[in-house]
Amino acid sequence: MQKHYNITVEGKVQGVWYRKSTQEKAKTLKIKGHVKNLPNGNVYIEAEGDKNQLSQLLEWCAIGPEFAKVDTVSFEEVDLQFFKSFDILR
């Protein structure tokens, strides 16, 4: 069953290729949605997939790319949006 998670990643997650790396990981996991930087320095992700796919993404988000330093990852489940791809938003 498909689920939709709104994920917020806090820490040193901007300027370290976090969005591009998230997009690559999401595509590998066949997750749809998007990722964007927030003005407060966090990264925001909307992701749709099954529970196993989303669990793997959350585990990856807690580590991130090589130069990231993740402090916290939080998420909430909301209604599906039926994304067609996984994009980086500006």
Protein backbone atom coordinates (compact mmCIF):
# COMPACT_ATOMS: atom_id res chain seq x y z
CA MET A 1 0.00 0.00 0.00
CA GLN A 2 1.34 3.41 -1.01
CA LYS A 3 2.00 6.03 1.66
CA HIS A 4 2.99 9.72 1.56
CA TYR A 5 5.52 11.10 4.06
CA ASN A 6 6.42 14.74 4.64
CA ILE A 7 10.00 14.60 5.91
CA THR A 8 12.06 17.39 7.49
CA VAL A 9 15.83 16.96 7.84
CA GLU A 10 17.71 19.27 10.21
CA GLY A 11 21.45 19.82 10.52
CA LYS A 12 24.18 20.75 8.06
CA VAL A 13 22.15 19.65 5.05
CA GLN A 14 22.42 22.55 2.63
CA GLY A 15 25.45 23.10 0.42
CA VAL A 16 26.45 19.42 0.72
CA TRP A 17 24.56 17.94 -2.28
CA TYR A 18 21.77 16.68 -0.01
CA ARG A 19 18.95 17.39 -2.49
CA LYS A 20 20.70 15.73 -5.45
CA SER A 21 21.73 12.74 -3.34
CA THR A 22 18.16 12.41 -2.04
CA GLN A 23 16.85 12.43 -5.60
CA GLU A 24 19.31 9.69 -6.60
CA LYS A 25 18.40 7.56 -3.56
CA ALA A 26 14.66 8.06 -4.18
CA LYS A 27 15.03 6.99 -7.81
CA THR A 28 16.97 3.89 -6.74
CA LEU A 29 14.15 3.04 -4.30
CA LYS A 30 11.47 3.87 -6.91
CA ILE A 31 10.03 6.62 -4.67
CA LYS A 32 8.13 9.56 -6.17
CA GLY A 33 7.94 13.10 -4.77
CA HIS A 34 10.25 16.06 -4.37
CA VAL A 35 12.94 17.64 -2.22
CA LYS A 36 13.74 21.30 -1.53
CA ASN A 37 15.82 23.54 0.71
CA LEU A 38 13.96 25.57 3.32
CA PRO A 39 14.91 29.16 4.26
CA ASN A 40 15.79 28.04 7.82
CA GLY A 41 18.56 25.70 6.58
CA ASN A 42 16.56 22.46 6.73
CA VAL A 43 15.67 20.18 3.83
CA TYR A 44 12.04 19.24 3.15
CA ILE A 45 11.04 16.06 1.32
CA GLU A 46 7.68 14.77 0.17
CA ALA A 47 7.95 11.08 -0.67
CA GLU A 48 5.54 8.41 -1.85
CA GLY A 49 6.16 4.69 -1.86
CA ASP A 50 5.38 1.60 0.13
CA LYS A 51 6.30 1.36 3.81
CA ASN A 52 9.50 -0.59 3.12
CA GLN A 53 10.71 1.92 0.49
CA LEU A 54 9.95 4.87 2.78
CA SER A 55 11.66 3.21 5.76
CA GLN A 56 14.81 2.79 3.66
CA LEU A 57 14.64 6.44 2.61
CA LEU A 58 14.25 7.59 6.23
CA GLU A 59 17.28 5.51 7.24
CA TRP A 60 19.29 7.10 4.42
CA CYS A 61 18.06 10.61 5.37
CA ALA A 62 19.49 10.17 8.88
CA ILE A 63 22.97 9.80 7.32
CA GLY A 64 22.72 11.72 4.05
CA PRO A 65 25.57 12.36 1.62
CA GLU A 66 29.23 12.39 2.62
CA PHE A 67 29.55 15.98 3.89
CA ALA A 68 26.15 16.27 5.57
CA LYS A 69 25.76 16.29 9.35
CA VAL A 70 22.18 15.33 10.14
CA ASP A 71 20.85 16.26 13.58
CA THR A 72 17.24 15.09 13.31
CA VAL A 73 14.81 13.59 10.83
CA SER A 74 11.09 13.97 11.46
CA PHE A 75 8.16 12.89 9.34
CA GLU A 76 4.39 12.72 9.20
CA GLU A 77 2.11 10.61 7.06
CA VAL A 78 -0.43 12.57 5.00
CA ASP A 79 -2.74 11.96 2.04
CA LEU A 80 -1.27 10.71 -1.24
CA GLN A 81 -0.50 13.26 -3.95
CA PHE A 82 0.24 10.67 -6.68
CA PHE A 83 3.56 12.14 -7.86
CA LYS A 84 4.86 10.94 -11.24
CA SER A 85 8.60 11.45 -10.62
CA PHE A 86 11.05 12.64 -7.96
CA ASP A 87 12.14 16.23 -8.51
CA ILE A 88 14.38 18.85 -6.95
CA LEU A 89 12.45 22.05 -6.28
CA ARG A 90 14.15 25.42 -6.11
